[in-house]
């Protein structure tokens, strides 16, 4: 039996795509391996979102290409966002690749598996509707959580973002298709379903004439079993009080509001194409925090966007200090090919972007450390993600923390296994992480 290995890069949406690639290859009777050295087919599932992600994808190809020197029959292929956007350029400049496969051309892998001659380049345009997959999703790893793509593409055309050029127009999956995948994932032992999209708050508007994120959540909440639902990527221009209240009142759903704000200065938001201003943002934050249950707000900001003066950056810093976000990430602006922002003449120097990034994250670090110290003696339900083999600690998360990007709760106790949802008492903190002990019933 031939084997394959997928080198996964990029966001959770890209990782879901990799699961479907694995499912298709398994339908061709290939076996997945965790080692590229033992694989007949090596795939780099690339990311093309920002320059650093592109560079990481190219470096992965060059690193894995050395394996071909030791095996005449081994094939190296790139899939994902980078191959979707730059298929022709990759074909010209990367002879190491035996295949360059776009986002919508997974079945072209059959030709590579069957030994097709020469580099196979398959890159078709994004479809007008979300296709129902004809082969199963292959779940990798033992994580108790799984991501579900509820839509693909984006219509927002923020001035810094190339996603619409890569993934096409916004298109939603039908509710019953998402429900089937959710039930499948729960049958596989998953205990947290994480809904991802370019914009979750717009879900369903193309299929049902208006956003249907609440009906989708209602449908998924009806599934029998003990599990959490987490919603990611909510655009502040479309986040309404009705959805906020529903999420807070539904115990199945994590009170976790992932709202990429990107900036707070009105002029910056306007030039970014965000279609929302400071007043509306502050109103949303007030509504969330006035809810009848505790909640957490996660956001992201871009520093060094063209036209960001010292005064505008300082306004952002003061806003972060005042709001004291539970979770926050920041990015230094990266000029992306073909975007309006990339052509602006008022670009911010790289050294200034780097300084502003570190300044903003230092402000947030102080906030997080202070918040964590105030958590001692509080009790939280947590999901056990893994057991640290070196320390024996259970690595857990609260409802207010998404995997891979937020903090964890480390519990020094036996008797916990991945996937369990338990109550812990917070006993201390270690920088970004909390320490706890299991509350035995």
Protein backbone atom coordinates (compact mmCIF):
# COMPACT_ATOMS: atom_id res chain seq x y z
CA UNK A 1 0.00 0.00 0.00
CA UNK A 2 1.27 3.47 -0.89
CA UNK A 3 1.50 6.05 1.88
CA UNK A 4 1.05 9.81 2.13
CA UNK A 5 2.02 12.57 4.51
CA UNK A 6 0.41 16.04 4.79
CA UNK A 7 2.44 18.95 6.09
CA UNK A 8 -0.29 21.22 7.46
CA UNK A 9 0.09 24.98 7.43
CA UNK A 10 -2.22 27.93 7.94
CA UNK A 11 -5.54 28.45 9.67
CA UNK A 12 -8.12 25.93 10.95
CA UNK A 13 -10.10 26.32 7.71
CA UNK A 14 -7.04 25.14 5.81
CA UNK A 15 -6.66 22.27 8.25
CA UNK A 16 -10.21 21.12 7.51
CA UNK A 17 -9.32 21.12 3.82
CA UNK A 18 -6.35 18.89 4.67
CA UNK A 19 -8.72 16.43 6.37
CA UNK A 20 -10.68 16.16 3.14
CA UNK A 21 -7.49 15.67 1.14
CA UNK A 22 -6.60 12.84 3.50
CA UNK A 23 -10.08 11.38 3.14
CA UNK A 24 -9.82 11.41 -0.64
CA UNK A 25 -6.41 9.74 -0.63
CA UNK A 26 -7.66 7.06 1.74
CA UNK A 27 -10.52 6.42 -0.68
CA UNK A 28 -7.78 5.65 -3.24
CA UNK A 29 -6.38 3.07 -0.76
CA UNK A 30 -3.40 5.08 0.41
CA UNK A 31 -2.43 4.99 4.08
CA UNK A 32 -1.54 8.12 6.04
CA UNK A 33 1.79 8.26 7.85
CA UNK A 34 3.05 10.75 10.42
CA UNK A 35 6.55 10.71 8.94
CA UNK A 36 7.43 12.35 5.61
CA UNK A 37 10.50 10.09 5.38
CA UNK A 38 8.26 7.04 5.02
CA UNK A 39 5.72 8.57 2.61
CA UNK A 40 5.41 7.89 -1.10
CA UNK A 41 3.41 11.10 -1.53
CA UNK A 42 4.35 14.22 0.44
CA UNK A 43 1.88 17.12 0.42
CA UNK A 44 2.45 20.66 1.62
CA UNK A 45 -0.99 22.13 2.32
CA UNK A 46 0.05 25.74 1.98
CA UNK A 47 -1.08 29.09 3.37
CA UNK A 48 -0.96 32.27 1.30
CA UNK A 49 -2.57 34.76 3.67
CA UNK A 50 0.39 36.99 4.50
CA UNK A 51 4.02 37.18 3.37
CA UNK A 52 5.41 35.22 6.32
CA UNK A 53 2.93 32.40 5.65
CA UNK A 54 3.93 32.28 1.99
CA UNK A 55 7.58 32.09 2.97
CA UNK A 56 6.86 29.29 5.45
CA UNK A 57 5.10 27.30 2.72
CA UNK A 58 7.99 27.73 0.26
CA UNK A 59 10.53 26.80 2.93
CA UNK A 60 8.54 23.65 3.71
CA UNK A 61 8.65 22.60 0.05
CA UNK A 62 12.41 23.19 -0.19
CA UNK A 63 13.02 21.28 3.05
CA UNK A 64 10.88 18.30 2.08
CA UNK A 65 12.28 18.21 -1.46
CA UNK A 66 15.50 16.71 -0.08
CA UNK A 67 13.57 13.50 0.62
CA UNK A 68 13.17 12.95 -3.12
CA UNK A 69 16.93 12.44 -3.39
CA UNK A 70 16.59 9.23 -1.38
CA UNK A 71 13.59 7.80 -3.22
CA UNK A 72 13.11 7.87 -6.95
CA UNK A 73 9.37 7.27 -6.76
CA UNK A 74 8.51 9.81 -4.07
CA UNK A 75 6.24 12.68 -5.18
CA UNK A 76 6.06 16.17 -3.69
CA UNK A 77 2.88 18.21 -4.13
CA UNK A 78 1.61 21.60 -3.00
CA UNK A 79 -2.07 22.16 -2.24
CA UNK A 80 -3.91 24.97 -0.46
CA UNK A 81 -4.16 28.73 -0.74
CA UNK A 82 -0.71 29.44 -2.15
CA UNK A 83 -1.13 26.95 -5.00
CA UNK A 84 -4.61 28.32 -5.69
CA UNK A 85 -3.34 31.86 -6.13
CA UNK A 86 0.11 31.32 -7.64
CA UNK A 87 -0.15 28.05 -9.59
CA UNK A 88 1.53 29.37 -12.73
CA UNK A 89 4.37 31.07 -10.84
CA UNK A 90 5.02 27.96 -8.76
CA UNK A 91 5.10 25.85 -11.90
CA UNK A 92 7.77 28.10 -13.41
CA UNK A 93 9.90 28.63 -10.33
CA UNK A 94 9.69 25.43 -8.28
CA UNK A 95 10.83 22.39 -10.28
CA UNK A 96 10.89 20.47 -6.99
CA UNK A 97 7.10 20.09 -7.20
CA UNK A 98 5.48 17.15 -8.98
CA UNK A 99 2.04 18.65 -8.55
CA UNK A 100 0.43 22.03 -7.90
CA UNK A 101 -3.18 21.51 -6.88
CA UNK A 102 -5.72 24.28 -6.24
CA UNK A 103 -8.38 24.43 -3.56
CA UNK A 104 -11.05 22.89 -5.78
CA UNK A 105 -9.00 20.23 -7.54
CA UNK A 106 -8.35 17.52 -4.98
CA UNK A 107 -9.29 14.77 -7.41
CA UNK A 108 -6.31 15.75 -9.59
CA UNK A 109 -4.21 13.94 -6.97
CA UNK A 110 -5.33 10.68 -8.58
CA UNK A 111 -3.10 11.37 -11.57
CA UNK A 112 -0.11 11.93 -9.32
CA UNK A 113 -0.84 8.79 -7.29
CA UNK A 114 -1.06 6.82 -10.54
CA UNK A 115 2.34 8.07 -11.67
CA UNK A 116 1.35 10.75 -14.17
CA UNK A 117 4.34 12.14 -16.05
CA UNK A 118 5.64 15.65 -15.48
CA UNK A 119 4.37 18.27 -13.04
CA UNK A 120 0.59 18.16 -12.83
CA UNK A 121 -0.94 21.62 -12.48
CA UNK A 122 -4.64 21.75 -11.63
CA UNK A 123 -6.18 25.03 -10.63
CA UNK A 124 -9.84 25.78 -11.31
CA UNK A 125 -11.90 28.81 -10.30
CA UNK A 126 -13.82 28.78 -7.04
CA UNK A 127 -17.38 27.47 -7.42
CA UNK A 128 -20.44 29.69 -7.09
CA UNK A 129 -21.92 27.49 -4.34
CA UNK A 130 -20.44 25.41 -1.54
CA UNK A 131 -20.00 21.89 -2.94
CA UNK A 132 -21.17 18.87 -0.94
CA UNK A 133 -18.14 16.62 -0.61
CA UNK A 134 -18.43 13.18 -2.17
CA UNK A 135 -15.76 11.52 -0.02
CA UNK A 136 -15.39 11.31 3.76
CA UNK A 137 -13.37 13.59 5.96
CA UNK A 138 -10.44 11.80 7.59
CA UNK A 139 -9.88 12.84 11.20
CA UNK A 140 -6.27 12.99 12.31
CA UNK A 141 -4.92 13.23 15.83
CA UNK A 142 -6.52 12.65 19.22
CA UNK A 143 -7.65 16.18 20.00
CA UNK A 144 -11.09 16.30 21.66
CA UNK A 145 -12.08 19.26 19.49
CA UNK A 146 -12.69 19.60 15.75
CA UNK A 147 -13.25 22.48 13.38
CA UNK A 148 -16.25 22.64 11.04
CA UNK A 149 -16.26 24.98 8.06
CA UNK A 150 -19.71 26.53 7.79
CA UNK A 151 -18.87 28.67 4.77
CA UNK A 152 -16.02 29.59 2.47
CA UNK A 153 -14.92 32.73 0.68
CA UNK A 154 -15.62 36.34 1.57
CA UNK A 155 -17.37 39.37 0.09
CA UNK A 156 -16.06 42.04 2.47
CA UNK A 157 -13.04 43.12 0.44
CA UNK A 158 -11.16 44.67 3.34
CA UNK A 159 -8.43 46.76 1.76
CA UNK A 160 -5.58 44.70 3.24
CA UNK A 161 -6.93 41.20 2.58
CA UNK A 162 -6.42 38.85 -0.39
CA UNK A 163 -8.81 36.13 0.82
CA UNK A 164 -11.57 36.99 -1.71
CA UNK A 165 -9.00 36.63 -4.51
CA UNK A 166 -7.88 33.27 -3.14
CA UNK A 167 -11.07 31.64 -1.90
CA UNK A 168 -13.68 33.50 -3.93
CA UNK A 169 -17.08 34.88 -3.05
CA UNK A 170 -18.86 34.06 0.21
CA UNK A 171 -20.84 30.81 0.05
CA UNK A 172 -22.49 28.90 2.89
CA UNK A 173 -22.92 25.19 3.48
CA UNK A 174 -26.50 23.98 3.92
CA UNK A 175 -27.51 23.44 7.54
CA UNK A 176 -28.25 19.74 7.07
CA UNK A 177 -24.76 19.18 5.58
CA UNK A 178 -23.14 20.84 8.59
CA UNK A 179 -25.37 18.84 10.94
CA UNK A 180 -24.24 15.55 9.35
CA UNK A 181 -20.58 16.48 9.79
CA UNK A 182 -21.18 17.54 13.40
CA UNK A 183 -22.80 14.20 14.19
CA UNK A 184 -19.92 12.38 12.49
CA UNK A 185 -17.35 14.28 14.54
CA UNK A 186 -19.16 13.58 17.79
CA UNK A 187 -19.32 9.88 16.87
CA UNK A 188 -15.52 10.05 16.48
CA UNK A 189 -15.25 11.17 20.11
CA UNK A 190 -15.00 14.94 19.67
CA UNK A 191 -16.36 17.00 22.56
CA UNK A 192 -16.01 20.52 21.19
CA UNK A 193 -17.21 21.65 17.77
CA UNK A 194 -15.59 24.86 16.56
CA UNK A 195 -17.44 26.64 13.76
CA UNK A 196 -15.10 28.50 11.41
CA UNK A 197 -15.62 30.73 8.38
CA UNK A 198 -14.24 33.94 6.95
CA UNK A 199 -17.27 35.56 8.60
CA UNK A 200 -19.55 33.43 10.77
CA UNK A 201 -22.06 36.23 11.35
CA UNK A 202 -22.92 36.24 7.63
CA UNK A 203 -23.64 32.51 7.56
CA UNK A 204 -26.63 31.59 5.39
CA UNK A 205 -27.35 34.93 3.78
CA UNK A 206 -26.60 33.52 0.29
CA UNK A 207 -28.74 30.39 0.79
CA UNK A 208 -31.61 31.68 2.88
CA UNK A 209 -31.77 35.40 1.93
CA UNK A 210 -30.64 36.48 5.40
CA UNK A 211 -28.05 35.37 7.97
CA UNK A 212 -29.00 32.10 9.63
CA UNK A 213 -26.32 31.63 12.25
CA UNK A 214 -28.89 31.37 15.08
CA UNK A 215 -30.97 28.67 13.32
CA UNK A 216 -27.72 26.80 12.63
CA UNK A 217 -26.74 26.97 16.30
CA UNK A 218 -30.23 25.89 17.34
CA UNK A 219 -30.02 22.88 15.02
CA UNK A 220 -26.59 21.79 16.29
CA UNK A 221 -27.64 22.32 19.91
CA UNK A 222 -30.36 19.70 19.47
CA UNK A 223 -27.80 16.91 18.99
CA UNK A 224 -27.79 14.57 21.98
CA UNK A 225 -24.62 14.37 24.07
CA UNK A 226 -22.26 16.41 26.22
CA UNK A 227 -20.26 18.78 24.05
CA UNK A 228 -19.45 22.45 23.53
CA UNK A 229 -19.99 24.64 20.47
CA UNK A 230 -17.61 27.53 19.81
CA UNK A 231 -18.12 30.19 17.13
CA UNK A 232 -15.12 31.90 15.54
CA UNK A 233 -14.66 34.95 13.30
CA UNK A 234 -17.63 37.25 13.97
CA UNK A 235 -17.50 40.52 12.04
CA UNK A 236 -18.37 43.52 14.25
CA UNK A 237 -20.40 45.13 11.45
CA UNK A 238 -22.88 42.22 11.51
CA UNK A 239 -22.82 41.07 15.12
CA UNK A 240 -26.26 41.84 16.55
CA UNK A 241 -27.63 41.84 20.09
CA UNK A 242 -29.96 38.94 19.22
CA UNK A 243 -27.00 36.67 18.49
CA UNK A 244 -25.07 37.88 21.54
CA UNK A 245 -28.01 37.14 23.85
CA UNK A 246 -28.62 33.75 22.25
CA UNK A 247 -25.01 32.68 22.68
CA UNK A 248 -24.91 33.78 26.30
CA UNK A 249 -28.22 32.06 27.16
CA UNK A 250 -27.45 28.73 25.43
CA UNK A 251 -25.29 26.63 27.76
CA UNK A 252 -24.20 24.45 24.86
CA UNK A 253 -22.41 27.42 23.29
CA UNK A 254 -19.22 28.88 24.74
CA UNK A 255 -19.58 32.51 25.85
CA UNK A 256 -16.59 33.34 23.68
CA UNK A 257 -16.85 36.23 21.27
CA UNK A 258 -14.14 36.13 18.61
CA UNK A 259 -14.45 39.58 17.02
CA UNK A 260 -11.49 40.76 14.90
CA UNK A 261 -11.64 44.54 15.35
CA UNK A 262 -8.34 45.34 13.51
CA UNK A 263 -8.24 48.96 14.80
CA UNK A 264 -10.30 51.49 16.74
CA UNK A 265 -9.50 54.82 15.06
CA UNK A 266 -12.36 55.72 12.72
CA UNK A 267 -10.08 56.90 9.92
CA UNK A 268 -8.10 53.67 10.08
CA UNK A 269 -11.24 51.53 10.11
CA UNK A 270 -12.56 53.43 7.11
CA UNK A 271 -9.34 53.01 5.12
CA UNK A 272 -9.26 49.31 6.04
CA UNK A 273 -12.76 48.92 4.60
CA UNK A 274 -14.17 47.55 7.84
CA UNK A 275 -17.60 49.23 7.56
CA UNK A 276 -17.81 49.80 11.30
CA UNK A 277 -16.73 52.67 13.55
CA UNK A 278 -15.54 53.13 17.09
CA UNK A 279 -18.98 54.02 18.47
CA UNK A 280 -20.57 50.83 17.12
CA UNK A 281 -17.66 48.72 18.42
CA UNK A 282 -17.96 50.16 21.93
CA UNK A 283 -21.71 49.55 21.91
CA UNK A 284 -21.14 45.87 21.02
CA UNK A 285 -18.59 45.40 23.78
CA UNK A 286 -20.99 46.96 26.29
CA UNK A 287 -23.80 44.61 25.23
CA UNK A 288 -21.59 41.53 25.60
CA UNK A 289 -20.36 42.53 29.03
CA UNK A 290 -23.87 43.36 30.22
CA UNK A 291 -25.00 39.78 29.55
CA UNK A 292 -26.39 37.60 32.32
CA UNK A 293 -23.36 35.30 32.34
CA UNK A 294 -19.59 35.67 32.28
CA UNK A 295 -18.07 35.87 28.81
CA UNK A 296 -14.74 36.45 27.10
CA UNK A 297 -13.93 38.67 24.15
CA UNK A 298 -11.09 37.75 21.84
CA UNK A 299 -9.94 40.24 19.24
CA UNK A 300 -7.09 40.98 16.84
CA UNK A 301 -5.51 44.25 15.80
CA UNK A 302 -3.30 45.22 12.88
CA UNK A 303 -0.48 47.63 13.67
CA UNK A 304 1.47 49.58 11.07
CA UNK A 305 -1.32 49.75 8.51
CA UNK A 306 -0.67 52.48 5.90
CA UNK A 307 -1.55 55.87 7.34
CA UNK A 308 -1.28 54.80 10.98
CA UNK A 309 0.27 57.85 12.63
CA UNK A 310 1.76 57.89 16.11
CA UNK A 311 -1.43 59.50 17.40
CA UNK A 312 -3.66 56.83 15.84
CA UNK A 313 -1.53 54.07 17.28
CA UNK A 314 -1.64 55.68 20.72
CA UNK A 315 -5.44 55.83 20.45
CA UNK A 316 -5.40 52.07 19.87
CA UNK A 317 -3.14 51.51 22.88
CA UNK A 318 -5.39 53.56 25.17
CA UNK A 319 -8.42 51.66 23.91
CA UNK A 320 -6.80 48.32 24.75
CA UNK A 321 -5.81 49.57 28.20
CA UNK A 322 -9.36 50.76 28.85
CA UNK A 323 -11.17 47.68 27.51
CA UNK A 324 -8.90 45.07 29.14
CA UNK A 325 -9.73 42.36 26.63
CA UNK A 326 -9.65 38.81 27.97
CA UNK A 327 -7.85 37.58 24.84
CA UNK A 328 -5.98 39.62 22.24
CA UNK A 329 -3.63 39.06 19.33
CA UNK A 330 -1.82 41.51 17.08
CA UNK A 331 -0.21 41.43 13.65
CA UNK A 332 2.21 43.74 11.92
CA UNK A 333 0.67 44.83 8.62
CA UNK A 334 1.82 42.85 5.58
CA UNK A 335 1.28 44.28 2.07
CA UNK A 336 -0.47 41.63 -0.04
CA UNK A 337 -0.37 41.49 -3.83
CA UNK A 338 -3.36 43.05 -5.54
CA UNK A 339 -4.92 44.64 -2.45
CA UNK A 340 -5.71 48.37 -2.36
CA UNK A 341 -3.64 48.92 0.77
CA UNK A 342 -0.50 47.51 -0.85
CA UNK A 343 -0.48 50.33 -3.40
CA UNK A 344 -0.66 53.15 -0.90
CA UNK A 345 2.24 55.55 -0.64
CA UNK A 346 1.95 56.12 3.12
CA UNK A 347 3.42 52.76 4.15
CA UNK A 348 4.77 52.49 7.69
CA UNK A 349 8.46 51.47 8.03
CA UNK A 350 9.05 47.86 9.07
CA UNK A 351 10.97 48.85 12.19
CA UNK A 352 8.05 51.03 13.30
CA UNK A 353 5.58 48.20 12.72
CA UNK A 354 7.75 45.85 14.75
CA UNK A 355 8.06 48.34 17.64
CA UNK A 356 4.31 48.97 17.68
CA UNK A 357 3.57 45.24 17.69
CA UNK A 358 5.75 44.66 20.74
CA UNK A 359 4.36 47.74 22.51
CA UNK A 360 0.76 46.59 22.06
CA UNK A 361 1.52 43.04 23.16
CA UNK A 362 3.35 44.31 26.26
CA UNK A 363 0.21 46.23 27.22
CA UNK A 364 -1.90 43.11 26.77
CA UNK A 365 0.59 40.94 28.64
CA UNK A 366 0.23 43.13 31.73
CA UNK A 367 -3.56 42.90 31.47
CA UNK A 368 -3.52 39.11 31.13
CA UNK A 369 -1.15 38.58 34.05
CA UNK A 370 -3.32 40.78 36.27
CA UNK A 371 -6.46 38.96 35.17
CA UNK A 372 -4.89 35.57 35.81
CA UNK A 373 -3.94 36.49 39.36
CA UNK A 374 -7.55 37.46 40.02
CA UNK A 375 -8.74 34.01 38.88
CA UNK A 376 -7.30 32.17 41.90
CA UNK A 377 -9.96 30.24 43.87
CA UNK A 378 -12.52 30.51 41.09
CA UNK A 379 -14.06 27.36 39.65
CA UNK A 380 -14.47 26.60 35.96
CA UNK A 381 -15.62 23.78 33.76
CA UNK A 382 -12.72 22.72 31.56
CA UNK A 383 -12.21 20.31 28.69
CA UNK A 384 -9.13 18.10 28.89
CA UNK A 385 -7.13 18.45 25.67
CA UNK A 386 -4.16 16.22 26.47
CA UNK A 387 -1.94 14.75 29.17
CA UNK A 388 1.58 16.15 29.25
CA UNK A 389 3.79 13.06 29.02
CA UNK A 390 6.70 14.79 30.77
CA UNK A 391 4.90 16.32 33.76
CA UNK A 392 1.78 14.16 33.95
CA UNK A 393 -0.33 17.30 34.03
CA UNK A 394 -3.70 17.47 32.32
CA UNK A 395 -3.67 20.31 29.76
CA UNK A 396 -7.17 21.81 29.81
CA UNK A 397 -9.16 24.81 28.54
CA UNK A 398 -12.09 26.76 29.89
CA UNK A 399 -15.07 27.81 27.80
CA UNK A 400 -13.28 31.14 27.39
CA UNK A 401 -10.28 29.69 25.56
CA UNK A 402 -9.97 28.39 22.02
CA UNK A 403 -7.36 25.72 21.28
CA UNK A 404 -3.95 26.66 19.93
CA UNK A 405 -4.38 30.42 20.39
CA UNK A 406 -5.52 30.99 23.99
CA UNK A 407 -4.27 30.06 27.43
CA UNK A 408 -4.60 26.70 29.14
CA UNK A 409 -5.31 25.38 32.62
CA UNK A 410 -2.75 22.84 33.80
CA UNK A 411 -4.03 20.39 36.42
CA UNK A 412 -1.60 18.33 38.50
CA UNK A 413 -3.78 15.35 39.22
CA UNK A 414 -4.42 11.83 38.08
CA UNK A 415 -7.64 10.38 36.79
CA UNK A 416 -8.28 12.79 33.92
CA UNK A 417 -8.36 11.71 30.30
CA UNK A 418 -8.56 13.75 27.06
CA UNK A 419 -12.10 14.67 26.14
CA UNK A 420 -13.47 14.80 29.67
CA UNK A 421 -15.28 17.93 30.81
CA UNK A 422 -14.61 18.52 34.50
CA UNK A 423 -14.76 21.26 37.12
CA UNK A 424 -11.45 22.62 38.41
CA UNK A 425 -10.50 25.17 41.05
CA UNK A 426 -7.84 27.65 40.01
CA UNK A 427 -4.93 27.50 42.44
CA UNK A 428 -2.34 29.69 40.76
CA UNK A 429 -0.99 31.08 37.51
CA UNK A 430 2.18 30.81 35.48
CA UNK A 431 2.39 33.75 33.08
CA UNK A 432 -0.26 33.13 30.41
CA UNK A 433 -1.48 29.82 31.82
CA UNK A 434 -3.52 28.96 34.90
CA UNK A 435 -2.89 26.17 37.40
CA UNK A 436 -5.73 24.20 38.92
CA UNK A 437 -6.86 21.15 40.79
CA UNK A 438 -9.67 18.79 39.98
CA UNK A 439 -12.81 19.26 42.04
CA UNK A 440 -13.86 15.71 42.83
CA UNK A 441 -17.63 15.18 43.05
